[in-house]
Amino acid sequence: MVINGASMLLLTQATSLPFFIFCVVLVGFSFGGLLVVFAPMVRLIFGSKNYNSNYGLIFIGYGIGAFVGPKISAYFYDTTGRYTMGFVGSAILAVAAIVLILVAQKLTKNNNPQNKKHPPTRQYPPPHKKPHI
């Protein structure tokens, strides 16, 4: 996500073809890296119980973004004559995604039963006393 946001901001400054290609390559690497980690992140954050449904919802969101994003960028280009606002908007969304990932990790850590302290179990009979028979 960090590479994606940074490359989007760099694209706003791309004035030469080699620099533009460099930025697009960064976008491609970050995109490929994100697709690889979606599945384990969904399982880690939401657990295995409803994994199929949760993973499907993630890709519905991805599909909506793939449909709406280009239309929004086209609108920005039509109104301003530049793609700068589309790149900045994408960088802002990348920052928002980073924040949401950090929040989800924190919530997952707090809700993990292995991380919660349990009171010590009471042993019967207590170890220092012998049972009365």
N, C-alpha and C. Protein backbone atom coordinates (compact mmCIF):
# COMPACT_ATOMS: atom_id res chain seq x y z
N MET A 1 0.81 -1.18 0.00
CA MET A 1 0.00 0.00 0.00
C MET A 1 0.86 1.26 0.00
N VAL A 2 1.95 1.20 0.73
CA VAL A 2 2.84 2.37 0.80
C VAL A 2 3.42 2.65 -0.59
N ILE A 3 3.86 1.58 -1.26
CA ILE A 3 4.41 1.75 -2.61
C ILE A 3 3.34 2.27 -3.56
N ASN A 4 2.13 1.76 -3.41
CA ASN A 4 1.04 2.20 -4.27
C ASN A 4 0.75 3.68 -4.08
N GLY A 5 0.63 4.11 -2.84
CA GLY A 5 0.36 5.53 -2.57
C GLY A 5 1.48 6.42 -3.05
N ALA A 6 2.73 5.99 -2.79
CA ALA A 6 3.89 6.79 -3.22
C ALA A 6 3.97 6.86 -4.74
N SER A 7 3.71 5.75 -5.41
CA SER A 7 3.79 5.78 -6.87
C SER A 7 2.69 6.64 -7.48
N MET A 8 1.53 6.67 -6.84
CA MET A 8 0.46 7.54 -7.33
C MET A 8 0.84 9.01 -7.19
N LEU A 9 1.45 9.34 -6.07
CA LEU A 9 1.91 10.73 -5.90
C LEU A 9 3.04 11.06 -6.87
N LEU A 10 3.91 10.09 -7.12
CA LEU A 10 4.99 10.32 -8.09
C LEU A 10 4.43 10.54 -9.50
N LEU A 11 3.34 9.85 -9.81
CA LEU A 11 2.73 10.01 -11.14
C LEU A 11 2.27 11.45 -11.37
N THR A 12 1.94 12.18 -10.31
CA THR A 12 1.51 13.57 -10.49
C THR A 12 2.67 14.44 -10.96
N GLN A 13 3.90 13.97 -10.75
CA GLN A 13 5.09 14.74 -11.14
C GLN A 13 5.77 14.20 -12.38
N ALA A 14 5.20 13.17 -12.99
CA ALA A 14 5.83 12.54 -14.15
C ALA A 14 5.72 13.44 -15.38
N THR A 15 6.87 13.96 -15.82
CA THR A 15 6.88 14.82 -17.01
C THR A 15 7.68 14.21 -18.15
N SER A 16 8.38 13.11 -17.86
CA SER A 16 9.13 12.43 -18.93
C SER A 16 8.63 11.00 -19.05
N LEU A 17 8.79 10.42 -20.23
CA LEU A 17 8.33 9.06 -20.46
C LEU A 17 9.06 8.04 -19.57
N PRO A 18 10.39 8.10 -19.42
CA PRO A 18 11.04 7.12 -18.55
C PRO A 18 10.55 7.18 -17.10
N PHE A 19 10.35 8.39 -16.58
CA PHE A 19 9.85 8.51 -15.20
C PHE A 19 8.42 8.01 -15.10
N PHE A 20 7.60 8.28 -16.10
CA PHE A 20 6.23 7.79 -16.13
C PHE A 20 6.22 6.26 -16.13
N ILE A 21 7.07 5.64 -16.95
CA ILE A 21 7.15 4.17 -17.01
C ILE A 21 7.60 3.62 -15.66
N PHE A 22 8.59 4.28 -15.03
CA PHE A 22 9.04 3.86 -13.70
C PHE A 22 7.89 3.86 -12.71
N CYS A 23 7.09 4.91 -12.72
CA CYS A 23 5.95 5.02 -11.81
C CYS A 23 4.91 3.94 -12.08
N VAL A 24 4.64 3.68 -13.35
CA VAL A 24 3.66 2.65 -13.72
C VAL A 24 4.16 1.27 -13.30
N VAL A 25 5.46 1.02 -13.43
CA VAL A 25 6.03 -0.25 -12.98
C VAL A 25 5.85 -0.41 -11.46
N LEU A 26 6.06 0.68 -10.71
CA LEU A 26 5.82 0.63 -9.26
C LEU A 26 4.36 0.31 -8.95
N VAL A 27 3.46 0.92 -9.70
CA VAL A 27 2.03 0.62 -9.51
C VAL A 27 1.77 -0.86 -9.77
N GLY A 28 2.35 -1.40 -10.84
CA GLY A 28 2.17 -2.82 -11.17
C GLY A 28 2.70 -3.74 -10.09
N PHE A 29 3.89 -3.43 -9.56
CA PHE A 29 4.45 -4.26 -8.49
C PHE A 29 3.58 -4.20 -7.24
N SER A 30 3.12 -3.03 -6.89
CA SER A 30 2.30 -2.93 -5.68
C SER A 30 0.96 -3.63 -5.88
N PHE A 31 0.40 -3.53 -7.08
CA PHE A 31 -0.86 -4.19 -7.36
C PHE A 31 -0.71 -5.71 -7.27
N GLY A 32 0.35 -6.23 -7.89
CA GLY A 32 0.60 -7.68 -7.83
C GLY A 32 0.84 -8.16 -6.41
N GLY A 33 1.56 -7.36 -5.64
CA GLY A 33 1.81 -7.71 -4.25
C GLY A 33 0.55 -7.72 -3.41
N LEU A 34 -0.35 -6.80 -3.69
CA LEU A 34 -1.61 -6.74 -2.94
C LEU A 34 -2.49 -7.95 -3.22
N LEU A 35 -2.56 -8.36 -4.47
CA LEU A 35 -3.41 -9.50 -4.80
C LEU A 35 -2.94 -10.77 -4.09
N VAL A 36 -1.63 -10.88 -3.89
CA VAL A 36 -1.08 -12.06 -3.23
C VAL A 36 -1.44 -12.09 -1.74
N VAL A 37 -1.49 -10.93 -1.10
CA VAL A 37 -1.73 -10.91 0.35
C VAL A 37 -3.20 -10.77 0.73
N PHE A 38 -4.10 -10.55 -0.22
CA PHE A 38 -5.51 -10.43 0.13
C PHE A 38 -6.02 -11.67 0.87
N ALA A 39 -5.77 -12.85 0.32
CA ALA A 39 -6.31 -14.08 0.91
C ALA A 39 -5.81 -14.31 2.33
N PRO A 40 -4.49 -14.27 2.58
CA PRO A 40 -4.06 -14.49 3.97
C PRO A 40 -4.52 -13.39 4.92
N MET A 41 -4.61 -12.15 4.43
CA MET A 41 -5.06 -11.07 5.30
C MET A 41 -6.51 -11.28 5.72
N VAL A 42 -7.35 -11.69 4.79
CA VAL A 42 -8.76 -11.92 5.11
C VAL A 42 -8.88 -13.03 6.15
N ARG A 43 -8.13 -14.10 5.99
CA ARG A 43 -8.18 -15.20 6.95
C ARG A 43 -7.64 -14.77 8.31
N LEU A 44 -6.55 -14.02 8.31
CA LEU A 44 -5.93 -13.58 9.56
C LEU A 44 -6.84 -12.62 10.32
N ILE A 45 -7.46 -11.69 9.61
CA ILE A 45 -8.27 -10.66 10.27
C ILE A 45 -9.63 -11.20 10.67
N PHE A 46 -10.28 -11.97 9.79
CA PHE A 46 -11.65 -12.40 10.05
C PHE A 46 -11.79 -13.85 10.46
N GLY A 47 -10.71 -14.62 10.39
CA GLY A 47 -10.76 -16.02 10.78
C GLY A 47 -11.18 -16.93 9.64
N SER A 48 -11.17 -18.24 9.94
CA SER A 48 -11.45 -19.25 8.92
C SER A 48 -12.92 -19.61 8.79
N LYS A 49 -13.71 -19.28 9.80
CA LYS A 49 -15.10 -19.75 9.83
C LYS A 49 -15.88 -19.30 8.60
N ASN A 50 -15.86 -18.03 8.27
CA ASN A 50 -16.60 -17.50 7.11
C ASN A 50 -15.65 -17.00 6.04
N TYR A 51 -14.54 -17.68 5.87
CA TYR A 51 -13.49 -17.23 4.96
C TYR A 51 -14.01 -17.02 3.54
N ASN A 52 -14.75 -17.99 3.01
CA ASN A 52 -15.23 -17.89 1.63
C ASN A 52 -16.10 -16.66 1.41
N SER A 53 -17.02 -16.42 2.33
CA SER A 53 -17.90 -15.26 2.20
C SER A 53 -17.12 -13.96 2.32
N ASN A 54 -16.22 -13.90 3.30
CA ASN A 54 -15.44 -12.68 3.51
C ASN A 54 -14.53 -12.39 2.33
N TYR A 55 -13.89 -13.41 1.80
CA TYR A 55 -13.00 -13.23 0.65
C TYR A 55 -13.81 -12.77 -0.57
N GLY A 56 -15.02 -13.31 -0.72
CA GLY A 56 -15.89 -12.87 -1.81
C GLY A 56 -16.28 -11.40 -1.66
N LEU A 57 -16.55 -10.98 -0.44
CA LEU A 57 -16.89 -9.56 -0.21
C LEU A 57 -15.72 -8.65 -0.53
N ILE A 58 -14.52 -9.09 -0.22
CA ILE A 58 -13.33 -8.29 -0.54
C ILE A 58 -13.25 -8.08 -2.05
N PHE A 59 -13.50 -9.14 -2.81
CA PHE A 59 -13.40 -9.00 -4.26
C PHE A 59 -14.59 -8.29 -4.87
N ILE A 60 -15.73 -8.28 -4.20
CA ILE A 60 -16.83 -7.44 -4.67
C ILE A 60 -16.41 -5.97 -4.55
N GLY A 61 -15.79 -5.62 -3.41
CA GLY A 61 -15.27 -4.26 -3.25
C GLY A 61 -14.22 -3.92 -4.29
N TYR A 62 -13.36 -4.88 -4.58
CA TYR A 62 -12.34 -4.68 -5.61
C TYR A 62 -13.00 -4.45 -6.98
N GLY A 63 -14.03 -5.22 -7.28
CA GLY A 63 -14.73 -5.07 -8.56
C GLY A 63 -15.44 -3.73 -8.67
N ILE A 64 -16.05 -3.29 -7.58
CA ILE A 64 -16.71 -1.98 -7.58
C ILE A 64 -15.68 -0.88 -7.83
N GLY A 65 -14.54 -0.98 -7.15
CA GLY A 65 -13.47 0.00 -7.35
C GLY A 65 -12.95 -0.01 -8.77
N ALA A 66 -12.82 -1.20 -9.35
CA ALA A 66 -12.33 -1.30 -10.73
C ALA A 66 -13.34 -0.72 -11.72
N PHE A 67 -14.62 -0.74 -11.38
CA PHE A 67 -15.64 -0.19 -12.25
C PHE A 67 -15.77 1.33 -12.07
N VAL A 68 -15.77 1.78 -10.82
CA VAL A 68 -16.03 3.19 -10.53
C VAL A 68 -14.78 4.05 -10.68
N GLY A 69 -13.61 3.53 -10.28
CA GLY A 69 -12.37 4.30 -10.29
C GLY A 69 -12.04 4.96 -11.62
N PRO A 70 -12.05 4.21 -12.72
CA PRO A 70 -11.76 4.83 -14.01
C PRO A 70 -12.78 5.90 -14.41
N LYS A 71 -14.03 5.70 -14.03
CA LYS A 71 -15.05 6.71 -14.34
C LYS A 71 -14.78 8.01 -13.58
N ILE A 72 -14.36 7.88 -12.33
CA ILE A 72 -14.03 9.08 -11.54
C ILE A 72 -12.81 9.77 -12.12
N SER A 73 -11.78 8.99 -12.49
CA SER A 73 -10.58 9.59 -13.10
C SER A 73 -10.91 10.25 -14.43
N ALA A 74 -11.80 9.65 -15.21
CA ALA A 74 -12.20 10.25 -16.48
C ALA A 74 -12.93 11.57 -16.24
N TYR A 75 -13.74 11.61 -15.20
CA TYR A 75 -14.42 12.86 -14.86
C TYR A 75 -13.41 13.94 -14.49
N PHE A 76 -12.42 13.58 -13.67
CA PHE A 76 -11.39 14.55 -13.31
C PHE A 76 -10.65 15.04 -14.55
N TYR A 77 -10.35 14.13 -15.47
CA TYR A 77 -9.64 14.53 -16.69
C TYR A 77 -10.52 15.44 -17.54
N ASP A 78 -11.79 15.09 -17.66
CA ASP A 78 -12.70 15.90 -18.47
C ASP A 78 -12.87 17.31 -17.90
N THR A 79 -12.86 17.44 -16.58
CA THR A 79 -13.09 18.76 -15.99
C THR A 79 -11.82 19.57 -15.83
N THR A 80 -10.65 18.91 -15.66
CA THR A 80 -9.42 19.66 -15.42
C THR A 80 -8.39 19.53 -16.56
N GLY A 81 -8.56 18.54 -17.42
CA GLY A 81 -7.59 18.31 -18.48
C GLY A 81 -6.34 17.58 -18.00
N ARG A 82 -6.35 17.11 -16.77
CA ARG A 82 -5.21 16.37 -16.20
C ARG A 82 -5.72 15.21 -15.35
N TYR A 83 -4.85 14.22 -15.16
CA TYR A 83 -5.18 13.08 -14.32
C TYR A 83 -4.71 13.26 -12.88
N THR A 84 -4.18 14.41 -12.55
CA THR A 84 -3.57 14.64 -11.24
C THR A 84 -4.53 14.33 -10.10
N MET A 85 -5.75 14.81 -10.18
CA MET A 85 -6.72 14.57 -9.10
C MET A 85 -7.02 13.08 -8.93
N GLY A 86 -7.04 12.35 -10.01
CA GLY A 86 -7.24 10.90 -9.91
C GLY A 86 -6.09 10.21 -9.19
N PHE A 87 -4.86 10.64 -9.49
CA PHE A 87 -3.69 10.06 -8.81
C PHE A 87 -3.68 10.44 -7.33
N VAL A 88 -3.98 11.70 -7.04
CA VAL A 88 -4.01 12.14 -5.64
C VAL A 88 -5.12 11.40 -4.88
N GLY A 89 -6.27 11.26 -5.50
CA GLY A 89 -7.37 10.52 -4.87
C GLY A 89 -6.99 9.08 -4.59
N SER A 90 -6.29 8.46 -5.52
CA SER A 90 -5.84 7.09 -5.32
C SER A 90 -4.82 7.01 -4.19
N ALA A 91 -3.93 7.98 -4.09
CA ALA A 91 -2.96 8.01 -3.00
C ALA A 91 -3.66 8.18 -1.65
N ILE A 92 -4.68 9.02 -1.61
CA ILE A 92 -5.45 9.21 -0.37
C ILE A 92 -6.14 7.91 0.03
N LEU A 93 -6.70 7.20 -0.94
CA LEU A 93 -7.33 5.91 -0.65
C LEU A 93 -6.31 4.89 -0.16
N ALA A 94 -5.09 4.94 -0.69
CA ALA A 94 -4.04 4.03 -0.23
C ALA A 94 -3.69 4.31 1.23
N VAL A 95 -3.62 5.60 1.60
CA VAL A 95 -3.35 5.96 3.00
C VAL A 95 -4.50 5.48 3.89
N ALA A 96 -5.73 5.66 3.42
CA ALA A 96 -6.89 5.19 4.19
C ALA A 96 -6.84 3.67 4.36
N ALA A 97 -6.42 2.95 3.32
CA ALA A 97 -6.31 1.50 3.41
C ALA A 97 -5.25 1.09 4.42
N ILE A 98 -4.14 1.82 4.45
CA ILE A 98 -3.08 1.52 5.43
C ILE A 98 -3.63 1.69 6.85
N VAL A 99 -4.35 2.77 7.08
CA VAL A 99 -4.93 3.02 8.40
C VAL A 99 -5.91 1.91 8.76
N LEU A 100 -6.76 1.52 7.82
CA LEU A 100 -7.74 0.45 8.09
C LEU A 100 -7.06 -0.88 8.37
N ILE A 101 -5.97 -1.17 7.67
CA ILE A 101 -5.23 -2.41 7.92
C ILE A 101 -4.65 -2.39 9.34
N LEU A 102 -4.07 -1.26 9.74
CA LEU A 102 -3.51 -1.16 11.09
C LEU A 102 -4.59 -1.31 12.15
N VAL A 103 -5.75 -0.69 11.92
CA VAL A 103 -6.87 -0.82 12.86
C VAL A 103 -7.34 -2.27 12.93
N ALA A 104 -7.47 -2.92 11.77
CA ALA A 104 -7.91 -4.32 11.75
C ALA A 104 -6.91 -5.22 12.46
N GLN A 105 -5.61 -4.96 12.28
CA GLN A 105 -4.60 -5.77 12.98
C GLN A 105 -4.71 -5.57 14.49
N LYS A 106 -4.92 -4.34 14.90
CA LYS A 106 -5.04 -4.06 16.34
C LYS A 106 -6.29 -4.74 16.90
N LEU A 107 -7.41 -4.65 16.19
CA LEU A 107 -8.63 -5.30 16.65
C LEU A 107 -8.47 -6.82 16.69
N THR A 108 -7.78 -7.37 15.70
CA THR A 108 -7.55 -8.81 15.66
C THR A 108 -6.69 -9.24 16.83
N LYS A 109 -5.67 -8.47 17.13
CA LYS A 109 -4.79 -8.79 18.25
C LYS A 109 -5.56 -8.74 19.56
N ASN A 110 -6.45 -7.75 19.71
CA ASN A 110 -7.23 -7.62 20.94
C ASN A 110 -8.29 -8.69 21.08
N ASN A 111 -8.82 -9.19 19.96
CA ASN A 111 -9.90 -10.19 20.01
C ASN A 111 -9.39 -11.62 19.96
N ASN A 112 -8.10 -11.82 19.82
CA ASN A 112 -7.53 -13.15 19.75
C ASN A 112 -7.55 -13.77 21.14
N PRO A 113 -8.22 -14.92 21.31
CA PRO A 113 -8.30 -15.52 22.64
C PRO A 113 -6.93 -15.90 23.21
N GLN A 114 -5.94 -16.14 22.37
CA GLN A 114 -4.61 -16.50 22.85
C GLN A 114 -3.93 -15.31 23.51
N ASN A 115 -4.34 -14.08 23.16
CA ASN A 115 -3.72 -12.90 23.73
C ASN A 115 -4.36 -12.45 25.03
N LYS A 116 -5.51 -13.01 25.37
CA LYS A 116 -6.21 -12.60 26.59
C LYS A 116 -5.66 -13.40 27.77
N LYS A 117 -5.52 -12.71 28.88
CA LYS A 117 -5.03 -13.37 30.08
C LYS A 117 -6.21 -13.99 30.81
N HIS A 118 -6.06 -15.26 31.12
CA HIS A 118 -7.10 -15.96 31.85
C HIS A 118 -6.66 -16.11 33.29
N PRO A 119 -7.61 -16.07 34.22
CA PRO A 119 -7.22 -16.30 35.61
C PRO A 119 -6.71 -17.73 35.76
N PRO A 120 -5.82 -17.95 36.68
CA PRO A 120 -5.30 -19.30 36.84
C PRO A 120 -6.41 -20.26 37.22
N THR A 121 -6.34 -21.44 36.69
CA THR A 121 -7.36 -22.44 37.01
C THR A 121 -7.12 -22.96 38.42
N ARG A 122 -8.19 -23.22 39.09
CA ARG A 122 -8.09 -23.70 40.47
C ARG A 122 -7.94 -25.21 40.45
N GLN A 123 -7.00 -25.68 41.20
CA GLN A 123 -6.77 -27.12 41.26
C GLN A 123 -7.49 -27.69 42.47
N TYR A 124 -8.12 -28.83 42.30
CA TYR A 124 -8.80 -29.52 43.41
C TYR A 124 -8.13 -30.84 43.62
N PRO A 125 -7.78 -31.18 44.75
CA PRO A 125 -7.62 -30.34 45.93
C PRO A 125 -6.44 -29.40 45.74
N PRO A 126 -6.40 -28.32 46.52
CA PRO A 126 -5.25 -27.42 46.41
C PRO A 126 -3.97 -28.21 46.63
N PRO A 127 -2.90 -27.85 45.94
CA PRO A 127 -1.69 -28.67 45.98
C PRO A 127 -1.06 -28.76 47.36
N HIS A 128 -1.29 -27.81 48.26
CA HIS A 128 -0.65 -27.83 49.57
C HIS A 128 -1.46 -28.61 50.62
N LYS A 129 -2.64 -29.07 50.29
CA LYS A 129 -3.47 -29.82 51.25
C LYS A 129 -3.77 -31.21 50.70
N LYS A 130 -3.84 -32.14 51.63
CA LYS A 130 -4.23 -33.50 51.25
C LYS A 130 -5.74 -33.64 51.37
N PRO A 131 -6.36 -34.41 50.50
CA PRO A 131 -7.81 -34.57 50.60
C PRO A 131 -8.20 -35.35 51.85
N HIS A 132 -9.38 -35.02 52.41
CA HIS A 132 -9.90 -35.76 53.57
C HIS A 132 -10.74 -36.91 53.07
N ILE A 133 -10.44 -38.09 53.55
CA ILE A 133 -11.20 -39.27 53.11
C ILE A 133 -11.92 -39.87 54.27
